[in-house]
Amino acid sequence: MSRWVGSRGFEVEAIRLDGRALLRVRQYGFLVAYCGSVTEVARHVDLDDLVELIPFPPGTAW
């Protein structure tokens, strides 16, 4: 699933919970909110501050 991080310890992750697609917002590992839309995420985090983390396949040398 997709994951974004920002300053001040925020992390936003796309998850499935009880069959629903949600965005989980955490700060320093603590749950802040489960959001159903990006608009809801923006209430907690500055969206301009987020960057996507892209997982590379194992064994990829950079």
PDB file of N, CA and C in Angstrom:
ATOM      1  N   MET A   1       0.841  -1.185   0.000  1.00  0.00           N
ATOM      2  CA  MET A   1       0.000   0.000   0.000  1.00  0.00           C
ATOM      3  C   MET A   1       0.885   1.247   0.000  1.00  0.00           C
ATOM      4  N   SER A   2       0.299   2.377  -0.328  1.00  0.00           N
ATOM      5  CA  SER A   2       1.046   3.630  -0.397  1.00  0.00           C
ATOM      6  C   SER A   2       1.271   4.226   0.982  1.00  0.00           C
ATOM      7  N   ARG A   3       2.402   4.948   1.087  1.00  0.00           N
ATOM      8  CA  ARG A   3       2.757   5.563   2.360  1.00  0.00           C
ATOM      9  C   ARG A   3       3.431   6.903   2.098  1.00  0.00           C
ATOM     10  N   TRP A   4       3.029   7.916   2.859  1.00  0.00           N
ATOM     11  CA  TRP A   4       3.601   9.248   2.751  1.00  0.00           C
ATOM     12  C   TRP A   4       4.082   9.693   4.121  1.00  0.00           C
ATOM     13  N   VAL A   5       5.163  10.452   4.161  1.00  0.00           N
ATOM     14  CA  VAL A   5       5.672  10.978   5.420  1.00  0.00           C
ATOM     15  C   VAL A   5       5.871  12.488   5.279  1.00  0.00           C
ATOM     16  N   GLY A   6       5.813  13.165   6.431  1.00  0.00           N
ATOM     17  CA  GLY A   6       6.010  14.605   6.454  1.00  0.00           C
ATOM     18  C   GLY A   6       6.784  15.008   7.690  1.00  0.00           C
ATOM     19  N   SER A   7       6.956  16.298   7.830  1.00  0.00           N
ATOM     20  CA  SER A   7       7.675  16.798   8.996  1.00  0.00           C
ATOM     21  C   SER A   7       6.812  16.616  10.242  1.00  0.00           C
ATOM     22  N   ARG A   8       7.405  16.862  11.366  1.00  0.00           N
ATOM     23  CA  ARG A   8       6.743  16.741  12.669  1.00  0.00           C
ATOM     24  C   ARG A   8       6.245  15.323  12.934  1.00  0.00           C
ATOM     25  N   GLY A   9       6.881  14.325  12.291  1.00  0.00           N
ATOM     26  CA  GLY A   9       6.585  12.931  12.598  1.00  0.00           C
ATOM     27  C   GLY A   9       5.309  12.371  12.010  1.00  0.00           C
ATOM     28  N   PHE A  10       4.705  13.055  11.056  1.00  0.00           N
ATOM     29  CA  PHE A  10       3.456  12.557  10.478  1.00  0.00           C
ATOM     30  C   PHE A  10       3.723  11.483   9.437  1.00  0.00           C
ATOM     31  N   GLU A  11       2.822  10.515   9.394  1.00  0.00           N
ATOM     32  CA  GLU A  11       2.856   9.434   8.424  1.00  0.00           C
ATOM     33  C   GLU A  11       1.420   9.136   8.007  1.00  0.00           C
ATOM     34  N   VAL A  12       1.184   9.043   6.698  1.00  0.00           N
ATOM     35  CA  VAL A  12      -0.139   8.730   6.164  1.00  0.00           C
ATOM     36  C   VAL A  12       0.003   7.459   5.339  1.00  0.00           C
ATOM     37  N   GLU A  13      -0.876   6.497   5.612  1.00  0.00           N
ATOM     38  CA  GLU A  13      -0.785   5.207   4.944  1.00  0.00           C
ATOM     39  C   GLU A  13      -2.164   4.763   4.468  1.00  0.00           C
ATOM     40  N   ALA A  14      -2.229   4.299   3.224  1.00  0.00           N
ATOM     41  CA  ALA A  14      -3.467   3.748   2.684  1.00  0.00           C
ATOM     42  C   ALA A  14      -3.621   2.328   3.217  1.00  0.00           C
ATOM     43  N   ILE A  15      -4.760   2.039   3.842  1.00  0.00           N
ATOM     44  CA  ILE A  15      -4.995   0.721   4.445  1.00  0.00           C
ATOM     45  C   ILE A  15      -6.405   0.249   4.124  1.00  0.00           C
ATOM     46  N   ARG A  16      -6.676  -1.021   4.440  1.00  0.00           N
ATOM     47  CA  ARG A  16      -8.029  -1.570   4.397  1.00  0.00           C
ATOM     48  C   ARG A  16      -8.383  -1.953   5.814  1.00  0.00           C
ATOM     49  N   LEU A  17      -9.536  -1.483   6.273  1.00  0.00           N
ATOM     50  CA  LEU A  17      -9.998  -1.774   7.623  1.00  0.00           C
ATOM     51  C   LEU A  17     -11.469  -2.145   7.542  1.00  0.00           C
ATOM     52  N   ASP A  18     -11.798  -3.344   7.977  1.00  0.00           N
ATOM     53  CA  ASP A  18     -13.171  -3.852   7.899  1.00  0.00           C
ATOM     54  C   ASP A  18     -13.738  -3.745   6.484  1.00  0.00           C
ATOM     55  N   GLY A  19     -12.885  -4.009   5.483  1.00  0.00           N
ATOM     56  CA  GLY A  19     -13.322  -3.992   4.091  1.00  0.00           C
ATOM     57  C   GLY A  19     -13.389  -2.615   3.464  1.00  0.00           C
ATOM     58  N   ARG A  20     -13.058  -1.564   4.222  1.00  0.00           N
ATOM     59  CA  ARG A  20     -13.109  -0.199   3.693  1.00  0.00           C
ATOM     60  C   ARG A  20     -11.699   0.315   3.424  1.00  0.00           C
ATOM     61  N   ALA A  21     -11.540   1.053   2.347  1.00  0.00           N
ATOM     62  CA  ALA A  21     -10.270   1.702   2.050  1.00  0.00           C
ATOM     63  C   ALA A  21     -10.210   2.999   2.854  1.00  0.00           C
ATOM     64  N   LEU A  22      -9.172   3.133   3.685  1.00  0.00           N
ATOM     65  CA  LEU A  22      -9.029   4.320   4.527  1.00  0.00           C
ATOM     66  C   LEU A  22      -7.601   4.831   4.468  1.00  0.00           C
ATOM     67  N   LEU A  23      -7.414   6.049   4.938  1.00  0.00           N
ATOM     68  CA  LEU A  23      -6.092   6.628   5.109  1.00  0.00           C
ATOM     69  C   LEU A  23      -5.852   6.755   6.608  1.00  0.00           C
ATOM     70  N   ARG A  24      -4.791   6.111   7.084  1.00  0.00           N
ATOM     71  CA  ARG A  24      -4.467   6.163   8.510  1.00  0.00           C
ATOM     72  C   ARG A  24      -3.419   7.259   8.723  1.00  0.00           C
ATOM     73  N   VAL A  25      -3.721   8.186   9.614  1.00  0.00           N
ATOM     74  CA  VAL A  25      -2.792   9.271   9.934  1.00  0.00           C
ATOM     75  C   VAL A  25      -2.197   8.980  11.306  1.00  0.00           C
ATOM     76  N   ARG A  26      -0.864   8.940  11.365  1.00  0.00           N
ATOM     77  CA  ARG A  26      -0.174   8.745  12.634  1.00  0.00           C
ATOM     78  C   ARG A  26       0.862   9.856  12.807  1.00  0.00           C
ATOM     79  N   GLN A  27       1.149  10.158  14.062  1.00  0.00           N
ATOM     80  CA  GLN A  27       2.208  11.105  14.375  1.00  0.00           C
ATOM     81  C   GLN A  27       3.098  10.465  15.432  1.00  0.00           C
ATOM     82  N   TYR A  28       4.387  10.348  15.107  1.00  0.00           N
ATOM     83  CA  TYR A  28       5.358   9.687  15.984  1.00  0.00           C
ATOM     84  C   TYR A  28       4.873   8.302  16.414  1.00  0.00           C
ATOM     85  N   GLY A  29       4.185   7.590  15.485  1.00  0.00           N
ATOM     86  CA  GLY A  29       3.730   6.234  15.747  1.00  0.00           C
ATOM     87  C   GLY A  29       2.387   6.123  16.442  1.00  0.00           C
ATOM     88  N   PHE A  30       1.820   7.249  16.882  1.00  0.00           N
ATOM     89  CA  PHE A  30       0.524   7.232  17.566  1.00  0.00           C
ATOM     90  C   PHE A  30      -0.594   7.577  16.589  1.00  0.00           C
ATOM     91  N   LEU A  31      -1.696   6.844  16.665  1.00  0.00           N
ATOM     92  CA  LEU A  31      -2.829   7.071  15.785  1.00  0.00           C
ATOM     93  C   LEU A  31      -3.429   8.451  16.023  1.00  0.00           C
ATOM     94  N   VAL A  32      -3.606   9.192  14.933  1.00  0.00           N
ATOM     95  CA  VAL A  32      -4.267  10.497  14.980  1.00  0.00           C
ATOM     96  C   VAL A  32      -5.701  10.360  14.465  1.00  0.00           C
ATOM     97  N   ALA A  33      -5.863   9.670  13.313  1.00  0.00           N
ATOM     98  CA  ALA A  33      -7.207   9.540  12.735  1.00  0.00           C
ATOM     99  C   ALA A  33      -7.216   8.494  11.628  1.00  0.00           C
ATOM    100  N   TYR A  34      -8.402   7.945  11.393  1.00  0.00           N
ATOM    101  CA  TYR A  34      -8.687   7.180  10.189  1.00  0.00           C
ATOM    102  C   TYR A  34      -9.522   8.104   9.318  1.00  0.00           C
ATOM    103  N   CYS A  35      -9.094   8.325   8.078  1.00  0.00           N
ATOM    104  CA  CYS A  35      -9.773   9.278   7.202  1.00  0.00           C
ATOM    105  C   CYS A  35     -10.301   8.573   5.959  1.00  0.00           C
ATOM    106  N   GLY A  36     -11.478   8.986   5.530  1.00  0.00           N
ATOM    107  CA  GLY A  36     -12.101   8.419   4.346  1.00  0.00           C
ATOM    108  C   GLY A  36     -11.783   9.179   3.077  1.00  0.00           C
ATOM    109  N   SER A  37     -11.131  10.358   3.204  1.00  0.00           N
ATOM    110  CA  SER A  37     -10.796  11.156   2.029  1.00  0.00           C
ATOM    111  C   SER A  37      -9.546  11.985   2.301  1.00  0.00           C
ATOM    112  N   VAL A  38      -8.966  12.500   1.233  1.00  0.00           N
ATOM    113  CA  VAL A  38      -7.795  13.359   1.353  1.00  0.00           C
ATOM    114  C   VAL A  38      -8.168  14.668   2.049  1.00  0.00           C
ATOM    115  N   THR A  39      -9.383  15.126   1.845  1.00  0.00           N
ATOM    116  CA  THR A  39      -9.858  16.336   2.518  1.00  0.00           C
ATOM    117  C   THR A  39      -9.812  16.164   4.031  1.00  0.00           C
ATOM    118  N   GLU A  40     -10.193  14.997   4.497  1.00  0.00           N
ATOM    119  CA  GLU A  40     -10.130  14.727   5.941  1.00  0.00           C
ATOM    120  C   GLU A  40      -8.683  14.681   6.422  1.00  0.00           C
ATOM    121  N   VAL A  41      -7.784  14.126   5.629  1.00  0.00           N
ATOM    122  CA  VAL A  41      -6.365  14.084   5.995  1.00  0.00           C
ATOM    123  C   VAL A  41      -5.822  15.504   6.137  1.00  0.00           C
ATOM    124  N   ALA A  42      -6.244  16.397   5.251  1.00  0.00           N
ATOM    125  CA  ALA A  42      -5.766  17.783   5.267  1.00  0.00           C
ATOM    126  C   ALA A  42      -6.138  18.512   6.556  1.00  0.00           C
ATOM    127  N   ARG A  43      -7.112  18.034   7.292  1.00  0.00           N
ATOM    128  CA  ARG A  43      -7.462  18.640   8.587  1.00  0.00           C
ATOM    129  C   ARG A  43      -6.376  18.392   9.625  1.00  0.00           C
ATOM    130  N   HIS A  44      -5.557  17.368   9.398  1.00  0.00           N
ATOM    131  CA  HIS A  44      -4.540  16.977  10.374  1.00  0.00           C
ATOM    132  C   HIS A  44      -3.110  17.272   9.913  1.00  0.00           C
ATOM    133  N   VAL A  45      -2.899  17.220   8.592  1.00  0.00           N
ATOM    134  CA  VAL A  45      -1.543  17.307   8.037  1.00  0.00           C
ATOM    135  C   VAL A  45      -1.526  18.308   6.882  1.00  0.00           C
ATOM    136  N   ASP A  46      -0.434  19.054   6.762  1.00  0.00           N
ATOM    137  CA  ASP A  46      -0.239  19.926   5.603  1.00  0.00           C
ATOM    138  C   ASP A  46       0.128  19.033   4.418  1.00  0.00           C
ATOM    139  N   LEU A  47      -0.751  18.921   3.435  1.00  0.00           N
ATOM    140  CA  LEU A  47      -0.536  18.003   2.316  1.00  0.00           C
ATOM    141  C   LEU A  47       0.701  18.370   1.506  1.00  0.00           C
ATOM    142  N   ASP A  48       1.040  19.648   1.426  1.00  0.00           N
ATOM    143  CA  ASP A  48       2.227  20.082   0.682  1.00  0.00           C
ATOM    144  C   ASP A  48       3.515  19.569   1.320  1.00  0.00           C
ATOM    145  N   ASP A  49       3.438  19.160   2.553  1.00  0.00           N
ATOM    146  CA  ASP A  49       4.608  18.714   3.298  1.00  0.00           C
ATOM    147  C   ASP A  49       4.872  17.213   3.120  1.00  0.00           C
ATOM    148  N   LEU A  50       3.923  16.485   2.563  1.00  0.00           N
ATOM    149  CA  LEU A  50       4.052  15.028   2.456  1.00  0.00           C
ATOM    150  C   LEU A  50       4.862  14.613   1.230  1.00  0.00           C
ATOM    151  N   VAL A  51       5.674  13.569   1.404  1.00  0.00           N
ATOM    152  CA  VAL A  51       6.398  12.947   0.298  1.00  0.00           C
ATOM    153  C   VAL A  51       6.108  11.454   0.329  1.00  0.00           C
ATOM    154  N   GLU A  52       5.979  10.852  -0.845  1.00  0.00           N
ATOM    155  CA  GLU A  52       5.672   9.427  -0.918  1.00  0.00           C
ATOM    156  C   GLU A  52       6.947   8.599  -0.760  1.00  0.00           C
ATOM    157  N   LEU A  53       6.848   7.558   0.047  1.00  0.00           N
ATOM    158  CA  LEU A  53       7.944   6.589   0.175  1.00  0.00           C
ATOM    159  C   LEU A  53       7.688   5.474  -0.817  1.00  0.00           C
ATOM    160  N   ILE A  54       8.683   5.201  -1.633  1.00  0.00           N
ATOM    161  CA  ILE A  54       8.528   4.178  -2.659  1.00  0.00           C
ATOM    162  C   ILE A  54       9.397   2.985  -2.283  1.00  0.00           C
ATOM    163  N   PRO A  55       8.776   1.838  -2.003  1.00  0.00           N
ATOM    164  CA  PRO A  55       9.569   0.653  -1.634  1.00  0.00           C
ATOM    165  C   PRO A  55      10.240   0.070  -2.876  1.00  0.00           C
ATOM    166  N   PHE A  56      11.529  -0.195  -2.762  1.00  0.00           N
ATOM    167  CA  PHE A  56      12.266  -0.828  -3.856  1.00  0.00           C
ATOM    168  C   PHE A  56      12.313  -2.332  -3.609  1.00  0.00           C
ATOM    169  N   PRO A  57      12.342  -3.129  -4.679  1.00  0.00           N
ATOM    170  CA  PRO A  57      12.420  -4.576  -4.517  1.00  0.00           C
ATOM    171  C   PRO A  57      13.697  -4.974  -3.784  1.00  0.00           C
ATOM    172  N   PRO A  58      13.642  -6.056  -3.031  1.00  0.00           N
ATOM    173  CA  PRO A  58      14.862  -6.522  -2.340  1.00  0.00           C
ATOM    174  C   PRO A  58      15.975  -6.802  -3.343  1.00  0.00           C
ATOM    175  N   GLY A  59      17.184  -6.471  -2.950  1.00  0.00           N
ATOM    176  CA  GLY A  59      18.334  -6.735  -3.808  1.00  0.00           C
ATOM    177  C   GLY A  59      18.637  -5.638  -4.793  1.00  0.00           C
ATOM    178  N   THR A  60      17.830  -4.572  -4.798  1.00  0.00           N
ATOM    179  CA  THR A  60      18.089  -3.462  -5.709  1.00  0.00           C
ATOM    180  C   THR A  60      19.231  -2.630  -5.138  1.00  0.00           C
ATOM    181  N   ALA A  61      20.284  -2.486  -5.905  1.00  0.00           N
ATOM    182  CA  ALA A  61      21.430  -1.698  -5.452  1.00  0.00           C
ATOM    183  C   ALA A  61      21.347  -0.308  -6.053  1.00  0.00           C
ATOM    184  N   TRP A  62      21.354   0.704  -5.206  1.00  0.00           N
ATOM    185  CA  TRP A  62      21.332   2.094  -5.684  1.00  0.00           C
ATOM    186  C   TRP A  62      22.539   2.769  -5.206  1.00  0.00           C
TER     187      TRP A  62
END
